[in-house]
Amino acid sequence: MFSEISMNGSFPKTHNYITSLDMTHCDELDQVTKELMENEAGYERASQALRRRFVRGAQNVSAIERGNRKTKIKRTGENGKYRYFIEGVDGSWSEPQERIWVVSMFALWQRKRRITR
């Protein structure tokens, strides 16, 4: 398991970005990302839930990115190494610099889904 220090060390660019924000005026995605950076158990739960979706055969998984825009996540794998991609507005796929953003987008989608049920 990660400690908060190693979570920050695992995602240094995200840590630098998140710590520079005024959290009272930031995007929902930034708030979720900050929570996951501070809560290793929460990060692991969301990460495992995302992984299970793909293991069970999903080609794409729903997510929410900035501005509450619905998007999709896809996963590709080679030699046991997996890469995650986010679908852009124009339909192109891009890989985030750090995996925590993929997990955060999925976690945000999970939260929104629970609220609307």
Protein backbone atom coordinates (compact mmCIF):
# COMPACT_ATOMS: atom_id res chain seq x y z
CA MET A 1 0.00 0.00 0.00
CA PHE A 2 1.05 3.59 -0.58
CA SER A 3 1.49 6.17 2.12
CA GLU A 4 0.67 9.78 1.40
CA ILE A 5 4.37 10.48 0.92
CA SER A 6 4.80 7.70 -1.62
CA MET A 7 1.54 8.68 -3.37
CA ASN A 8 3.03 12.16 -3.82
CA GLY A 9 6.27 10.53 -4.98
CA SER A 10 4.37 8.27 -7.37
CA PHE A 11 2.67 11.23 -9.03
CA PRO A 12 5.09 14.17 -8.69
CA LYS A 13 3.64 16.32 -11.48
CA THR A 14 0.13 15.91 -10.12
CA HIS A 15 1.33 16.65 -6.59
CA ASN A 16 3.01 19.87 -7.73
CA TYR A 17 -0.10 20.92 -9.68
CA ILE A 18 -2.59 20.12 -6.90
CA THR A 19 -0.58 21.83 -4.16
CA SER A 20 -0.44 25.02 -6.25
CA LEU A 21 -4.25 25.31 -6.47
CA ASP A 22 -6.71 27.25 -4.36
CA MET A 23 -8.98 24.32 -3.55
CA THR A 24 -11.94 26.59 -2.79
CA HIS A 25 -12.12 27.62 -6.45
CA CYS A 26 -10.96 24.54 -8.34
CA ASP A 27 -12.61 22.08 -10.65
CA GLU A 28 -14.38 18.97 -9.29
CA LEU A 29 -11.79 16.76 -10.98
CA ASP A 30 -9.00 18.54 -9.10
CA GLN A 31 -10.87 18.02 -5.82
CA VAL A 32 -11.27 14.29 -6.47
CA THR A 33 -7.61 14.02 -7.46
CA LYS A 34 -6.52 15.76 -4.27
CA GLU A 35 -8.69 13.41 -2.19
CA LEU A 36 -7.18 10.37 -3.91
CA MET A 37 -3.65 11.70 -3.41
CA GLU A 38 -4.37 12.01 0.32
CA ASN A 39 -6.29 8.75 0.72
CA GLU A 40 -4.42 5.67 -0.41
CA ALA A 41 -7.36 3.36 0.34
CA GLY A 42 -9.68 5.51 -1.76
CA TYR A 43 -7.18 5.54 -4.62
CA GLU A 44 -6.77 1.76 -4.46
CA ARG A 45 -10.56 1.19 -4.42
CA ALA A 46 -11.13 3.38 -7.47
CA SER A 47 -8.10 1.94 -9.28
CA GLN A 48 -9.18 -1.65 -8.67
CA ALA A 49 -12.77 -0.91 -9.72
CA LEU A 50 -11.48 0.56 -12.99
CA ARG A 51 -9.18 -2.41 -13.56
CA ARG A 52 -12.05 -4.86 -12.90
CA ARG A 53 -14.16 -3.21 -15.60
CA PHE A 54 -11.50 -3.97 -18.17
CA VAL A 55 -10.76 -7.46 -16.82
CA ARG A 56 -14.47 -8.26 -17.21
CA GLY A 57 -14.29 -7.36 -20.89
CA ALA A 58 -15.15 -3.68 -21.23
CA GLN A 59 -13.59 -2.04 -24.28
CA ASN A 60 -14.31 1.47 -22.98
CA VAL A 61 -15.25 2.69 -19.51
CA SER A 62 -17.27 5.80 -18.75
CA ALA A 63 -15.61 8.73 -16.99
CA ILE A 64 -16.05 12.45 -16.36
CA GLU A 65 -13.39 15.03 -17.04
CA ARG A 66 -13.13 18.79 -16.58
CA GLY A 67 -16.34 20.75 -16.83
CA ASN A 68 -18.39 17.61 -16.11
CA ARG A 69 -17.88 16.45 -19.70
CA LYS A 70 -18.61 12.77 -20.15
CA THR A 71 -15.76 10.86 -21.75
CA LYS A 72 -14.42 7.34 -22.10
CA ILE A 73 -11.32 5.50 -20.95
CA LYS A 74 -9.70 2.69 -22.92
CA ARG A 75 -6.84 0.41 -21.95
CA THR A 76 -4.20 -1.21 -24.11
CA GLY A 77 -1.70 -3.74 -22.91
CA GLU A 78 1.56 -5.28 -24.00
CA ASN A 79 3.65 -7.77 -22.01
CA GLY A 80 1.60 -7.21 -18.85
CA LYS A 81 2.03 -3.42 -18.99
CA TYR A 82 -1.15 -1.42 -19.44
CA ARG A 83 -1.62 2.08 -20.79
CA TYR A 84 -4.78 4.12 -20.28
CA PHE A 85 -6.17 6.64 -22.75
CA ILE A 86 -8.87 9.33 -22.49
CA GLU A 87 -11.16 10.17 -25.40
CA GLY A 88 -11.01 13.83 -26.40
CA VAL A 89 -13.85 16.04 -27.62
CA ASP A 90 -12.76 15.41 -31.22
CA GLY A 91 -12.75 11.61 -30.75
CA SER A 92 -8.96 11.29 -30.54
CA TRP A 93 -7.31 9.36 -27.69
CA SER A 94 -4.56 10.75 -25.45
CA GLU A 95 -2.58 9.33 -22.58
CA PRO A 96 -2.44 11.43 -19.39
CA GLN A 97 1.01 12.14 -17.96
CA GLU A 98 0.17 10.28 -14.75
CA ARG A 99 -2.31 7.45 -14.16
CA ILE A 100 -3.97 9.16 -11.20
CA TRP A 101 -5.90 11.38 -13.66
CA VAL A 102 -7.51 8.33 -15.26
CA VAL A 103 -8.45 6.96 -11.84
CA SER A 104 -9.79 10.38 -10.78
CA MET A 105 -11.97 10.70 -13.88
CA PHE A 106 -13.41 7.24 -13.22
CA ALA A 107 -13.91 8.00 -9.49
CA LEU A 108 -15.72 11.24 -10.38
CA TRP A 109 -18.00 9.31 -12.74
CA GLN A 110 -18.71 6.77 -9.96
CA ARG A 111 -19.68 9.55 -7.55
CA LYS A 112 -21.95 11.27 -10.05
CA ARG A 113 -23.59 7.94 -10.90
CA ARG A 114 -24.30 7.20 -7.21
CA ILE A 115 -25.91 10.61 -6.76
CA THR A 116 -28.27 10.16 -9.72
CA ARG A 117 -29.42 6.68 -8.72
